Amino acid sequence: MYLNSNKHLLSRVLMTAALINIVAASVSGLIRTVINHSTSITPDMSGELSWTVQISVSVLQLVLLCVVFYFAFRRLGRYMSVVSDDDRAEMGKLQEEVFGEKLPALSSDAIKRLLQIWAVILIGVEFVYDVTSSLYREFVLQLFNMELLTGGIFAGGFTILYNSTHGFKYLGMLIAILLGIMMTGIFLDDRPLKTVAFVLAVLFLIAFSVFQMNTIDIFGRSVGVVWTSVIFHATETFGLLTVAIYMRTHYQGV
């Protein structure tokens, strides 16, 4: 059964999630830029105040995402409860005859499955990402302390190790998001969505294996730019927003 009253439900959820991610990333980035650490050579993530605020933003982000998906599932369940399971197939065939090309692209059951997939990714995998980020922070701080204890004899070895391992921090979450985009493309039989997921995966692998960290000056402070981080955060925010807008404009019932 297709539900016209459920029009754009999935794309609205993804759009809202992307906007939440954009705000969260902007706040975290601003705080990391503004807060000064005791020494200029310490990694940004070493600051306790900056890290505490970042974790607080992540927790609030997860709570908001839970609220978004809760109301989405509640709304979908309310519409699906109007018709019994036995009658949905017959009503779907009838709607195909009546609406023709104006019919939504996916049935309510398919939209429910996609919502479940994206809920696991944007809530479940995001939670795992936050936990592993904390563990990665401890790993980086241990590397930095080793550099200090040895008097810097690694000659920039900390920077090299940091850049070469930073991609592992984002790998799990990025794979989950790309799988979400790929699965959505499979459900919709949409080649552009599947192509985008493949291209982003290739770009991340190139950045991970080839690109080196670059330094830029922001407000008089040198900031190291890791390209795997740029690709991940761009995908999690503006990439997800672009996918949602694309789905909204190309499909009536998604």
Protein backbone atom coordinates (compact mmCIF):
# COMPACT_ATOMS: atom_id res chain seq x y z
CA MET A 1 0.00 0.00 0.00
CA TYR A 2 1.22 3.50 -0.88
CA LEU A 3 0.45 6.44 1.37
CA ASN A 4 0.21 9.86 -0.27
CA SER A 5 -0.33 11.44 3.14
CA ASN A 6 3.17 10.14 4.02
CA LYS A 7 4.74 12.08 1.17
CA HIS A 8 8.44 12.93 1.58
CA LEU A 9 8.62 11.33 5.04
CA LEU A 10 12.02 9.68 4.52
CA SER A 11 13.57 12.70 2.78
CA ARG A 12 12.28 15.00 5.53
CA VAL A 13 13.83 12.79 8.21
CA LEU A 14 17.20 12.72 6.40
CA MET A 15 17.04 16.47 5.81
CA THR A 16 16.33 17.12 9.48
CA ALA A 17 19.12 14.74 10.52
CA ALA A 18 21.54 16.50 8.16
CA LEU A 19 20.62 19.92 9.58
CA ILE A 20 21.17 18.61 13.12
CA ASN A 21 24.58 17.28 12.06
CA ILE A 22 25.47 20.62 10.43
CA VAL A 23 24.61 22.58 13.57
CA ALA A 24 26.46 20.09 15.79
CA ALA A 25 29.58 20.15 13.59
CA SER A 26 29.50 23.96 13.40
CA VAL A 27 29.26 24.33 17.18
CA SER A 28 32.03 21.80 17.82
CA GLY A 29 34.27 23.39 15.18
CA LEU A 30 33.70 26.89 16.54
CA ILE A 31 34.50 25.80 20.09
CA ARG A 32 37.69 24.03 19.01
CA THR A 33 38.76 27.17 17.13
CA VAL A 34 37.97 29.68 19.87
CA ILE A 35 39.19 27.83 22.97
CA ASN A 36 42.92 28.27 23.49
CA HIS A 37 45.03 25.47 24.95
CA SER A 38 47.89 25.87 27.34
CA THR A 39 50.46 25.19 24.61
CA SER A 40 50.19 25.69 20.88
CA ILE A 41 51.72 22.30 20.06
CA THR A 42 49.10 20.19 21.82
CA PRO A 43 46.40 18.49 19.71
CA ASP A 44 43.01 20.22 19.77
CA MET A 45 41.36 17.14 21.24
CA SER A 46 43.65 17.28 24.28
CA GLY A 47 41.78 20.23 25.80
CA GLU A 48 39.45 18.93 28.53
CA LEU A 49 36.99 21.82 28.22
CA SER A 50 36.84 21.54 24.44
CA TRP A 51 36.40 17.76 24.64
CA THR A 52 33.69 17.99 27.31
CA VAL A 53 31.69 20.46 25.23
CA GLN A 54 32.17 18.30 22.13
CA ILE A 55 30.87 15.20 23.93
CA SER A 56 27.92 17.21 25.28
CA VAL A 57 27.07 18.36 21.75
CA SER A 58 27.26 14.74 20.52
CA VAL A 59 24.91 13.55 23.27
CA LEU A 60 22.41 16.30 22.46
CA GLN A 61 22.73 15.41 18.77
CA LEU A 62 21.85 11.76 19.48
CA VAL A 63 18.87 12.77 21.64
CA LEU A 64 17.50 15.01 18.88
CA LEU A 65 17.95 12.27 16.29
CA CYS A 66 16.09 9.82 18.53
CA VAL A 67 13.21 12.30 18.77
CA VAL A 68 13.14 12.80 14.99
CA PHE A 69 12.99 9.06 14.25
CA TYR A 70 10.49 8.43 17.06
CA PHE A 71 7.96 10.83 15.58
CA ALA A 72 8.67 9.57 12.05
CA PHE A 73 7.95 5.95 13.03
CA ARG A 74 4.93 7.06 15.02
CA ARG A 75 3.50 8.94 12.06
CA LEU A 76 4.21 6.08 9.67
CA GLY A 77 2.64 3.55 12.05
CA ARG A 78 -0.47 5.69 12.41
CA TYR A 79 -1.00 5.78 8.64
CA MET A 80 -0.22 2.08 8.19
CA SER A 81 -2.69 1.10 10.91
CA VAL A 82 -5.55 2.50 8.85
CA VAL A 83 -5.46 -0.58 6.59
CA SER A 84 -4.90 -4.17 7.70
CA ASP A 85 -1.97 -6.21 6.40
CA ASP A 86 -4.22 -8.41 4.27
CA ASP A 87 -5.69 -5.45 2.40
CA ARG A 88 -2.46 -3.55 1.71
CA ALA A 89 -1.46 -5.53 -1.39
CA GLU A 90 -4.89 -5.13 -2.98
CA MET A 91 -4.99 -1.42 -2.18
CA GLY A 92 -1.50 -1.01 -3.66
CA LYS A 93 -2.66 -2.52 -6.96
CA LEU A 94 -5.75 -0.30 -6.95
CA GLN A 95 -3.67 2.81 -6.33
CA GLU A 96 -1.35 1.89 -9.20
CA GLU A 97 -4.36 1.79 -11.54
CA VAL A 98 -5.83 5.07 -10.26
CA PHE A 99 -2.75 7.26 -9.73
CA GLY A 100 -0.40 5.89 -12.38
CA GLU A 101 2.78 8.01 -12.58
CA LYS A 102 1.63 10.14 -9.64
CA LEU A 103 2.05 7.15 -7.34
CA PRO A 104 4.74 7.46 -4.66
CA ALA A 105 7.98 5.71 -5.52
CA LEU A 106 7.95 3.33 -2.54
CA SER A 107 5.32 1.50 -0.55
CA SER A 108 4.81 2.28 3.13
CA ASP A 109 6.47 -1.04 4.04
CA ALA A 110 9.57 -0.14 2.00
CA ILE A 111 9.73 3.32 3.57
CA LYS A 112 9.51 1.71 7.00
CA ARG A 113 12.46 -0.56 6.20
CA LEU A 114 14.54 2.36 4.95
CA LEU A 115 13.68 4.36 8.06
CA GLN A 116 14.88 1.44 10.17
CA ILE A 117 18.14 1.26 8.20
CA TRP A 118 18.80 5.00 8.61
CA ALA A 119 17.83 4.90 12.30
CA VAL A 120 20.46 2.20 12.90
CA ILE A 121 23.04 4.27 11.00
CA LEU A 122 22.34 7.75 12.36
CA ILE A 123 21.66 6.66 15.95
CA GLY A 124 23.23 3.25 16.56
CA VAL A 125 26.40 3.64 14.50
CA GLU A 126 26.71 7.29 15.59
CA PHE A 127 26.78 6.11 19.21
CA VAL A 128 29.50 3.58 18.38
CA TYR A 129 31.39 6.35 16.56
CA ASP A 130 31.28 8.58 19.67
CA VAL A 131 32.62 5.75 21.84
CA THR A 132 35.45 4.88 19.45
CA SER A 133 36.28 8.59 19.09
CA SER A 134 36.90 8.71 22.84
CA LEU A 135 39.17 5.67 22.59
CA TYR A 136 40.99 7.20 19.62
CA ARG A 137 41.53 10.40 21.64
CA GLU A 138 43.24 8.39 24.37
CA PHE A 139 45.43 6.71 21.73
CA VAL A 140 46.48 10.07 20.23
CA LEU A 141 47.25 11.57 23.62
CA GLN A 142 49.45 8.58 24.45
CA LEU A 143 51.34 9.07 21.18
CA PHE A 144 51.78 12.75 21.95
CA ASN A 145 53.07 12.05 25.45
CA MET A 146 55.57 9.58 24.01
CA GLU A 147 56.77 12.32 21.67
CA LEU A 148 57.27 14.67 24.62
CA LEU A 149 59.04 12.04 26.75
CA THR A 150 61.51 11.29 23.97
CA GLY A 151 62.28 14.98 23.54
CA GLY A 152 60.83 15.11 20.06
CA ILE A 153 63.42 12.75 18.60
CA PHE A 154 60.79 11.35 16.26
CA ALA A 155 61.25 14.58 14.24
CA GLY A 156 57.64 15.08 13.28
CA GLY A 157 56.72 11.44 13.68
CA PHE A 158 53.67 12.32 15.78
CA THR A 159 52.18 14.38 12.94
CA ILE A 160 52.81 11.60 10.45
CA LEU A 161 51.24 8.97 12.71
CA TYR A 162 48.27 11.22 13.49
CA ASN A 163 47.56 11.86 9.82
CA SER A 164 47.99 8.22 8.79
CA THR A 165 45.69 6.87 11.53
CA HIS A 166 43.03 9.59 11.65
CA GLY A 167 41.01 7.99 8.88
CA PHE A 168 40.34 4.93 11.03
CA LYS A 169 38.34 7.15 13.39
CA TYR A 170 35.80 7.91 10.63
CA LEU A 171 35.92 4.65 8.68
CA GLY A 172 33.06 2.82 10.42
CA MET A 173 30.61 5.73 10.40
CA LEU A 174 31.42 6.69 6.81
CA ILE A 175 30.91 3.10 5.61
CA ALA A 176 27.54 3.04 7.40
CA ILE A 177 26.40 6.30 5.76
CA LEU A 178 27.55 5.15 2.32
CA LEU A 179 25.75 1.82 2.82
CA GLY A 180 22.62 3.80 3.74
CA ILE A 181 22.88 5.81 0.53
CA MET A 182 23.58 2.64 -1.47
CA MET A 183 20.64 0.77 0.09
CA THR A 184 18.34 3.72 -0.61
CA GLY A 185 19.54 3.73 -4.21
CA ILE A 186 18.87 -0.02 -4.46
CA PHE A 187 15.35 0.36 -3.04
CA LEU A 188 14.63 3.19 -5.48
CA ASP A 189 16.58 1.59 -8.34
CA ASP A 190 18.37 4.95 -8.57
CA ARG A 191 21.75 4.88 -10.32
CA PRO A 192 22.91 8.40 -9.27
CA LEU A 193 22.56 7.54 -5.57
CA LYS A 194 24.54 4.33 -6.01
CA THR A 195 27.18 6.20 -8.03
CA VAL A 196 27.54 8.91 -5.39
CA ALA A 197 28.14 6.31 -2.68
CA PHE A 198 30.83 4.65 -4.81
CA VAL A 199 32.56 7.95 -5.68
CA LEU A 200 32.64 9.09 -2.04
CA ALA A 201 34.16 5.77 -1.00
CA VAL A 202 36.90 6.14 -3.64
CA LEU A 203 37.63 9.74 -2.60
CA PHE A 204 37.95 8.71 1.05
CA LEU A 205 40.34 5.87 0.18
CA ILE A 206 42.48 8.25 -1.92
CA ALA A 207 42.56 10.84 0.89
CA PHE A 208 43.39 8.11 3.40
CA SER A 209 46.25 6.59 1.42
CA VAL A 210 47.70 9.54 -0.54
CA PHE A 211 46.90 12.99 0.87
CA GLN A 212 48.98 14.48 3.66
CA MET A 213 47.90 16.86 6.42
CA ASN A 214 47.90 20.55 5.43
CA THR A 215 48.06 23.57 7.70
CA ILE A 216 45.87 26.66 7.39
CA ASP A 217 45.64 29.81 9.51
CA ILE A 218 42.31 30.64 11.18
CA PHE A 219 42.06 33.73 13.38
CA GLY A 220 45.84 33.80 13.69
CA ARG A 221 46.05 30.15 14.76
CA SER A 222 47.51 27.33 12.70
CA VAL A 223 45.09 24.43 12.23
CA GLY A 224 46.01 21.08 10.73
CA VAL A 225 43.58 19.86 8.06
CA VAL A 226 43.20 16.10 7.68
CA TRP A 227 41.43 15.37 4.39
CA THR A 228 39.76 12.17 5.59
CA SER A 229 38.11 14.33 8.26
CA VAL A 230 36.97 16.86 5.65
CA ILE A 231 35.42 14.18 3.44
CA PHE A 232 33.69 12.48 6.36
CA HIS A 233 32.16 15.62 7.88
CA ALA A 234 31.15 16.92 4.44
CA THR A 235 29.39 13.60 3.73
CA GLU A 236 27.71 13.49 7.16
CA THR A 237 26.36 17.04 6.81
CA PHE A 238 26.01 18.65 3.39
CA GLY A 239 26.25 15.31 1.56
CA LEU A 240 23.33 13.86 3.50
CA LEU A 241 21.40 17.10 3.00
CA THR A 242 22.00 16.93 -0.75
CA VAL A 243 20.77 13.32 -0.86
CA ALA A 244 17.60 14.31 1.02
CA ILE A 245 16.93 17.24 -1.34
CA TYR A 246 17.55 15.00 -4.35
CA MET A 247 15.06 12.42 -3.09
CA ARG A 248 12.50 15.09 -2.29
CA THR A 249 12.65 16.60 -5.76
CA HIS A 250 12.81 13.32 -7.73
CA TYR A 251 10.37 11.09 -5.83
CA GLN A 252 6.84 11.91 -4.70
CA GLY A 253 6.45 9.41 -1.93
CA VAL A 254 9.91 9.21 -0.38
